[in-house]
Amino acid sequence: MNKFIMIGPQGSGKGTQSKLLAEEFGFIHISIGDIFRWNVRNHTKLGSRVTRITAEGRLVSDEIVENVVRERLELHDWRYGFVLDGFPRTPSQAMYLFENWNLDCAIYLNLDDETVRERVMSRAKVGEGSGFTKRADDNPEALQRRLAEYHDKTRPLLELFAERDLLLRVDAGGTIEEVFRSVVDGLGLKAGSTVPALVGG
């Protein structure tokens, strides 16, 4: 069973690559953002709480996010493994995973800031099927703030995974297909296999 984490800046294709891995190898794609959005759309107690927090300009707390992740992973509906997209975002969240789950790898989709800006700011012009999603706050100033915050939070995370020899760095500057091939090769997964296994891992 393979348990992966997908990390990367906005525009790097985390969701797209996670979905491709899930489709190709039978993994379950667990997107924290999708879980929150589903709860907001369906007006659940959690959705109301998240809406209130974000409306006040605050970040959803580690405790809430960890509870959502724990409940989702404990469903154990991932026969071959899972790809966790959107978690962890802080060292404390990473420590929670280290303490409770036997992770195989953290996939870091590395993309330089200039390419991030080009991709994000062109989303309004991109057609459907591009793999990218437009955000309401996709403007240069907001993006610059998000990038600065992302780098501050991600650096210690990458160090934690690297220290444990769990970090795979992938250049996310290519096409979706090129990046996917680099991810699969880097993980040592056997393409086309219904029962994926890490080679030598």
C-alpha atoms as a PDB file:
ATOM      1  CA  MET A   1       0.000   0.000   0.000  1.00  0.00           C
ATOM      2  CA  ASN A   2       1.337   3.407  -0.989  1.00  0.00           C
ATOM      3  CA  LYS A   3       0.678   6.599   0.957  1.00  0.00           C
ATOM      4  CA  PHE A   4       1.725   9.820  -0.737  1.00  0.00           C
ATOM      5  CA  ILE A   5       1.495  13.557  -0.085  1.00  0.00           C
ATOM      6  CA  MET A   6       1.371  16.128  -2.902  1.00  0.00           C
ATOM      7  CA  ILE A   7       2.960  19.520  -2.179  1.00  0.00           C
ATOM      8  CA  GLY A   8       3.415  22.523  -4.452  1.00  0.00           C
ATOM      9  CA  PRO A   9       2.560  26.201  -4.980  1.00  0.00           C
ATOM     10  CA  GLN A  10      -0.668  27.379  -6.552  1.00  0.00           C
ATOM     11  CA  GLY A  11      -0.602  26.623 -10.267  1.00  0.00           C
ATOM     12  CA  SER A  12       1.820  23.705  -9.946  1.00  0.00           C
ATOM     13  CA  GLY A  13      -0.890  21.164 -10.754  1.00  0.00           C
ATOM     14  CA  LYS A  14      -1.206  19.394  -7.382  1.00  0.00           C
ATOM     15  CA  GLY A  15      -4.839  18.467  -7.920  1.00  0.00           C
ATOM     16  CA  THR A  16      -4.276  17.368 -11.509  1.00  0.00           C
ATOM     17  CA  GLN A  17      -1.267  15.190 -10.700  1.00  0.00           C
ATOM     18  CA  SER A  18      -2.997  13.700  -7.649  1.00  0.00           C
ATOM     19  CA  LYS A  19      -6.010  12.739  -9.759  1.00  0.00           C
ATOM     20  CA  LEU A  20      -3.818  11.233 -12.480  1.00  0.00           C
ATOM     21  CA  LEU A  21      -1.967   9.100  -9.919  1.00  0.00           C
ATOM     22  CA  ALA A  22      -5.261   7.960  -8.437  1.00  0.00           C
ATOM     23  CA  GLU A  23      -6.724   7.059 -11.834  1.00  0.00           C
ATOM     24  CA  GLU A  24      -3.616   5.255 -13.071  1.00  0.00           C
ATOM     25  CA  PHE A  25      -2.868   3.193  -9.968  1.00  0.00           C
ATOM     26  CA  GLY A  26      -6.163   2.834  -8.131  1.00  0.00           C
ATOM     27  CA  PHE A  27      -5.248   5.195  -5.291  1.00  0.00           C
ATOM     28  CA  ILE A  28      -7.797   7.361  -3.500  1.00  0.00           C
ATOM     29  CA  HIS A  29      -7.300  11.094  -4.069  1.00  0.00           C
ATOM     30  CA  ILE A  30      -8.001  12.935  -0.810  1.00  0.00           C
ATOM     31  CA  SER A  31      -8.280  16.684  -1.356  1.00  0.00           C
ATOM     32  CA  ILE A  32      -8.742  18.695   1.836  1.00  0.00           C
ATOM     33  CA  GLY A  33      -9.980  21.657  -0.185  1.00  0.00           C
ATOM     34  CA  ASP A  34     -12.614  19.481  -1.883  1.00  0.00           C
ATOM     35  CA  ILE A  35     -13.787  18.169   1.496  1.00  0.00           C
ATOM     36  CA  PHE A  36     -14.195  21.686   2.874  1.00  0.00           C
ATOM     37  CA  ARG A  37     -15.962  22.890  -0.298  1.00  0.00           C
ATOM     38  CA  TRP A  38     -18.378  19.943  -0.179  1.00  0.00           C
ATOM     39  CA  ASN A  39     -19.259  20.761   3.422  1.00  0.00           C
ATOM     40  CA  VAL A  40     -19.766  24.446   2.614  1.00  0.00           C
ATOM     41  CA  ARG A  41     -21.997  23.632  -0.373  1.00  0.00           C
ATOM     42  CA  ASN A  42     -24.068  21.212   1.670  1.00  0.00           C
ATOM     43  CA  HIS A  43     -24.395  23.543   4.671  1.00  0.00           C
ATOM     44  CA  THR A  44     -23.045  21.048   7.175  1.00  0.00           C
ATOM     45  CA  LYS A  45     -21.963  22.026  10.679  1.00  0.00           C
ATOM     46  CA  LEU A  46     -18.323  21.897   9.538  1.00  0.00           C
ATOM     47  CA  GLY A  47     -19.182  23.925   6.442  1.00  0.00           C
ATOM     48  CA  SER A  48     -20.802  26.655   8.511  1.00  0.00           C
ATOM     49  CA  ARG A  49     -17.783  26.752  10.788  1.00  0.00           C
ATOM     50  CA  VAL A  50     -15.342  27.022   7.869  1.00  0.00           C
ATOM     51  CA  THR A  51     -17.466  29.740   6.214  1.00  0.00           C
ATOM     52  CA  ARG A  52     -17.488  31.769   9.418  1.00  0.00           C
ATOM     53  CA  ILE A  53     -13.717  31.423   9.880  1.00  0.00           C
ATOM     54  CA  THR A  54     -12.837  32.378   6.305  1.00  0.00           C
ATOM     55  CA  ALA A  55     -15.331  35.268   6.305  1.00  0.00           C
ATOM     56  CA  GLU A  56     -13.394  36.703   9.258  1.00  0.00           C
ATOM     57  CA  GLY A  57     -10.190  36.451   7.248  1.00  0.00           C
ATOM     58  CA  ARG A  58      -8.753  33.721   9.461  1.00  0.00           C
ATOM     59  CA  LEU A  59      -7.148  30.414   8.507  1.00  0.00           C
ATOM     60  CA  VAL A  60      -8.865  27.168   9.429  1.00  0.00           C
ATOM     61  CA  SER A  61      -7.052  25.909  12.532  1.00  0.00           C
ATOM     62  CA  ASP A  62      -4.680  22.946  12.573  1.00  0.00           C
ATOM     63  CA  GLU A  63      -7.062  21.179  14.950  1.00  0.00           C
ATOM     64  CA  ILE A  64     -10.012  21.381  12.532  1.00  0.00           C
ATOM     65  CA  VAL A  65      -7.916  20.317   9.546  1.00  0.00           C
ATOM     66  CA  GLU A  66      -6.332  17.429  11.451  1.00  0.00           C
ATOM     67  CA  ASN A  67      -9.755  16.188  12.556  1.00  0.00           C
ATOM     68  CA  VAL A  68     -10.986  16.225   8.956  1.00  0.00           C
ATOM     69  CA  VAL A  69      -7.899  14.354   7.767  1.00  0.00           C
ATOM     70  CA  ARG A  70      -8.097  11.805  10.570  1.00  0.00           C
ATOM     71  CA  GLU A  71     -11.780  11.073   9.952  1.00  0.00           C
ATOM     72  CA  ARG A  72     -11.182  10.752   6.197  1.00  0.00           C
ATOM     73  CA  LEU A  73      -8.164   8.451   6.492  1.00  0.00           C
ATOM     74  CA  GLU A  74      -9.879   6.289   9.080  1.00  0.00           C
ATOM     75  CA  LEU A  75     -12.510   5.329   6.491  1.00  0.00           C
ATOM     76  CA  HIS A  76      -9.814   2.994   5.122  1.00  0.00           C
ATOM     77  CA  ASP A  77     -11.406   2.948   1.671  1.00  0.00           C
ATOM     78  CA  TRP A  78      -8.001   3.078  -0.010  1.00  0.00           C
ATOM     79  CA  ARG A  79      -7.141  -0.478  -0.986  1.00  0.00           C
ATOM     80  CA  TYR A  80      -3.936   0.378  -2.878  1.00  0.00           C
ATOM     81  CA  GLY A  81      -3.108   3.643  -1.142  1.00  0.00           C
ATOM     82  CA  PHE A  82      -3.910   7.345  -1.171  1.00  0.00           C
ATOM     83  CA  VAL A  83      -2.632  10.684  -2.428  1.00  0.00           C
ATOM     84  CA  LEU A  84      -3.168  13.436   0.137  1.00  0.00           C
ATOM     85  CA  ASP A  85      -3.558  16.834  -1.525  1.00  0.00           C
ATOM     86  CA  GLY A  86      -3.637  20.009   0.602  1.00  0.00           C
ATOM     87  CA  PHE A  87      -2.227  18.567   3.816  1.00  0.00           C
ATOM     88  CA  PRO A  88       0.052  19.093   5.666  1.00  0.00           C
ATOM     89  CA  ARG A  89       0.557  22.845   5.531  1.00  0.00           C
ATOM     90  CA  THR A  90       2.397  23.267   8.820  1.00  0.00           C
ATOM     91  CA  PRO A  91       5.119  21.336  10.701  1.00  0.00           C
ATOM     92  CA  SER A  92       2.604  20.344  13.391  1.00  0.00           C
ATOM     93  CA  GLN A  93       0.342  18.814  10.731  1.00  0.00           C
ATOM     94  CA  ALA A  94       3.338  16.958   9.293  1.00  0.00           C
ATOM     95  CA  MET A  95       4.195  15.620  12.738  1.00  0.00           C
ATOM     96  CA  TYR A  96       0.639  14.353  13.097  1.00  0.00           C
ATOM     97  CA  LEU A  97       1.120  12.310   9.902  1.00  0.00           C
ATOM     98  CA  PHE A  98       4.522  11.002  11.004  1.00  0.00           C
ATOM     99  CA  GLU A  99       3.061   9.868  14.313  1.00  0.00           C
ATOM    100  CA  ASN A 100      -0.048   8.198  12.894  1.00  0.00           C
ATOM    101  CA  TRP A 101       0.602   7.045   9.330  1.00  0.00           C
ATOM    102  CA  ASN A 102       3.465   5.231   7.643  1.00  0.00           C
ATOM    103  CA  LEU A 103       4.039   7.642   4.760  1.00  0.00           C
ATOM    104  CA  ASP A 104       5.954   6.561   1.677  1.00  0.00           C
ATOM    105  CA  CYS A 105       6.768   9.868   0.004  1.00  0.00           C
ATOM    106  CA  ALA A 106       6.062  13.601  -0.180  1.00  0.00           C
ATOM    107  CA  ILE A 107       5.974  14.709  -3.826  1.00  0.00           C
ATOM    108  CA  TYR A 108       7.076  18.326  -4.191  1.00  0.00           C
ATOM    109  CA  LEU A 109       6.006  19.930  -7.471  1.00  0.00           C
ATOM    110  CA  ASN A 110       8.666  22.604  -7.757  1.00  0.00           C
ATOM    111  CA  LEU A 111       7.731  25.667  -9.803  1.00  0.00           C
ATOM    112  CA  ASP A 112       9.509  29.025  -9.886  1.00  0.00           C
ATOM    113  CA  ASP A 113       7.541  32.097  -8.863  1.00  0.00           C
ATOM    114  CA  GLU A 114       7.571  33.643 -12.342  1.00  0.00           C
ATOM    115  CA  THR A 115       5.955  30.556 -13.891  1.00  0.00           C
ATOM    116  CA  VAL A 116       3.427  30.456 -11.041  1.00  0.00           C
ATOM    117  CA  ARG A 117       2.484  34.066 -11.813  1.00  0.00           C
ATOM    118  CA  GLU A 118       2.199  33.378 -15.548  1.00  0.00           C
ATOM    119  CA  ARG A 119      -0.014  30.333 -15.015  1.00  0.00           C
ATOM    120  CA  VAL A 120      -2.248  31.831 -12.371  1.00  0.00           C
ATOM    121  CA  MET A 121      -2.773  35.172 -14.100  1.00  0.00           C
ATOM    122  CA  SER A 122      -3.620  33.473 -17.412  1.00  0.00           C
ATOM    123  CA  ARG A 123      -6.315  31.252 -15.895  1.00  0.00           C
ATOM    124  CA  ALA A 124      -9.104  33.571 -16.925  1.00  0.00           C
ATOM    125  CA  LYS A 125      -8.111  32.980 -20.527  1.00  0.00           C
ATOM    126  CA  VAL A 126      -7.565  29.240 -20.346  1.00  0.00           C
ATOM    127  CA  GLY A 127     -10.252  26.902 -21.634  1.00  0.00           C
ATOM    128  CA  GLU A 128     -11.783  23.975 -19.855  1.00  0.00           C
ATOM    129  CA  GLY A 129      -9.658  20.885 -19.481  1.00  0.00           C
ATOM    130  CA  SER A 130      -6.457  22.829 -18.790  1.00  0.00           C
ATOM    131  CA  GLY A 131      -6.111  21.349 -15.325  1.00  0.00           C
ATOM    132  CA  PHE A 132      -6.152  24.796 -13.723  1.00  0.00           C
ATOM    133  CA  THR A 133      -8.841  26.554 -11.686  1.00  0.00           C
ATOM    134  CA  LYS A 134      -9.501  30.295 -11.485  1.00  0.00           C
ATOM    135  CA  ARG A 135      -9.695  31.879  -8.046  1.00  0.00           C
ATOM    136  CA  ALA A 136     -11.610  35.017  -7.177  1.00  0.00           C
ATOM    137  CA  ASP A 137      -8.454  36.587  -5.752  1.00  0.00           C
ATOM    138  CA  ASP A 138      -6.183  35.798  -8.710  1.00  0.00           C
ATOM    139  CA  ASN A 139      -4.595  39.239  -8.989  1.00  0.00           C
ATOM    140  CA  PRO A 140      -0.889  40.185  -8.800  1.00  0.00           C
ATOM    141  CA  GLU A 141      -0.989  41.643  -5.287  1.00  0.00           C
ATOM    142  CA  ALA A 142      -2.948  38.796  -3.713  1.00  0.00           C
ATOM    143  CA  LEU A 143      -0.829  36.224  -5.529  1.00  0.00           C
ATOM    144  CA  GLN A 144       2.398  37.801  -4.282  1.00  0.00           C
ATOM    145  CA  ARG A 145       1.118  37.626  -0.691  1.00  0.00           C
ATOM    146  CA  ARG A 146       0.085  33.990  -1.117  1.00  0.00           C
ATOM    147  CA  LEU A 147       3.475  33.090  -2.612  1.00  0.00           C
ATOM    148  CA  ALA A 148       5.368  34.733   0.243  1.00  0.00           C
ATOM    149  CA  GLU A 149       3.213  32.925   2.803  1.00  0.00           C
ATOM    150  CA  TYR A 150       3.566  29.660   0.889  1.00  0.00           C
ATOM    151  CA  HIS A 151       7.372  29.820   0.864  1.00  0.00           C
ATOM    152  CA  ASP A 152       7.525  30.684   4.571  1.00  0.00           C
ATOM    153  CA  LYS A 153       5.338  27.733   5.518  1.00  0.00           C
ATOM    154  CA  THR A 154       6.646  25.204   3.002  1.00  0.00           C
ATOM    155  CA  ARG A 155      10.380  25.530   3.634  1.00  0.00           C
ATOM    156  CA  PRO A 156      10.301  23.877   7.084  1.00  0.00           C
ATOM    157  CA  LEU A 157       7.933  21.198   5.748  1.00  0.00           C
ATOM    158  CA  LEU A 158      10.314  20.264   2.954  1.00  0.00           C
ATOM    159  CA  GLU A 159      13.164  20.086   5.449  1.00  0.00           C
ATOM    160  CA  LEU A 160      11.158  17.720   7.660  1.00  0.00           C
ATOM    161  CA  PHE A 161      10.429  15.365   4.774  1.00  0.00           C
ATOM    162  CA  ALA A 162      13.990  15.561   3.445  1.00  0.00           C
ATOM    163  CA  GLU A 163      15.415  14.706   6.876  1.00  0.00           C
ATOM    164  CA  ARG A 164      13.333  11.531   6.826  1.00  0.00           C
ATOM    165  CA  ASP A 165      14.352  10.727   3.235  1.00  0.00           C
ATOM    166  CA  LEU A 166      10.712  11.032   2.144  1.00  0.00           C
ATOM    167  CA  LEU A 167      10.989  13.939  -0.310  1.00  0.00           C
ATOM    168  CA  LEU A 168      10.721  13.620  -4.103  1.00  0.00           C
ATOM    169  CA  ARG A 169      11.355  16.895  -5.950  1.00  0.00           C
ATOM    170  CA  VAL A 170       9.754  17.112  -9.396  1.00  0.00           C
ATOM    171  CA  ASP A 171      10.125  19.941 -11.904  1.00  0.00           C
ATOM    172  CA  ALA A 172       6.535  21.072 -12.506  1.00  0.00           C
ATOM    173  CA  GLY A 173       7.456  23.390 -15.377  1.00  0.00           C
ATOM    174  CA  GLY A 174       6.648  20.928 -18.151  1.00  0.00           C
ATOM    175  CA  THR A 175       3.385  19.730 -19.629  1.00  0.00           C
ATOM    176  CA  ILE A 176       0.912  17.793 -17.494  1.00  0.00           C
ATOM    177  CA  GLU A 177       2.036  14.578 -19.204  1.00  0.00           C
ATOM    178  CA  GLU A 178       5.740  15.323 -18.693  1.00  0.00           C
ATOM    179  CA  VAL A 179       5.275  16.123 -15.020  1.00  0.00           C
ATOM    180  CA  PHE A 180       3.186  12.985 -14.497  1.00  0.00           C
ATOM    181  CA  ARG A 181       5.858  10.829 -16.098  1.00  0.00           C
ATOM    182  CA  SER A 182       8.499  12.384 -13.825  1.00  0.00           C
ATOM    183  CA  VAL A 183       6.321  11.709 -10.774  1.00  0.00           C
ATOM    184  CA  VAL A 184       5.707   8.077 -11.737  1.00  0.00           C
ATOM    185  CA  ASP A 185       9.378   7.471 -12.566  1.00  0.00           C
ATOM    186  CA  GLY A 186      10.543   9.214  -9.410  1.00  0.00           C
ATOM    187  CA  LEU A 187       8.261   7.083  -7.264  1.00  0.00           C
ATOM    188  CA  GLY A 188       9.322   3.918  -9.064  1.00  0.00           C
ATOM    189  CA  LEU A 189       5.727   2.983  -9.763  1.00  0.00           C
ATOM    190  CA  LYS A 190       4.950   0.384 -12.404  1.00  0.00           C
ATOM    191  CA  ALA A 191       2.674   2.040 -14.942  1.00  0.00           C
ATOM    192  CA  GLY A 192      -0.323  -0.016 -15.926  1.00  0.00           C
ATOM    193  CA  SER A 193      -0.176  -2.239 -12.864  1.00  0.00           C
ATOM    194  CA  THR A 194      -3.425  -2.768 -10.976  1.00  0.00           C
ATOM    195  CA  VAL A 195      -1.438  -3.492  -7.829  1.00  0.00           C
ATOM    196  CA  PRO A 196       1.212  -0.749  -7.706  1.00  0.00           C
ATOM    197  CA  ALA A 197       4.384  -1.212  -5.741  1.00  0.00           C
ATOM    198  CA  LEU A 198       7.370   0.957  -4.996  1.00  0.00           C
ATOM    199  CA  VAL A 199      10.524  -0.339  -6.611  1.00  0.00           C
ATOM    200  CA  GLY A 200      13.099  -0.809  -3.898  1.00  0.00           C
ATOM    201  CA  GLY A 201      11.043   1.270  -1.505  1.00  0.00           C
END
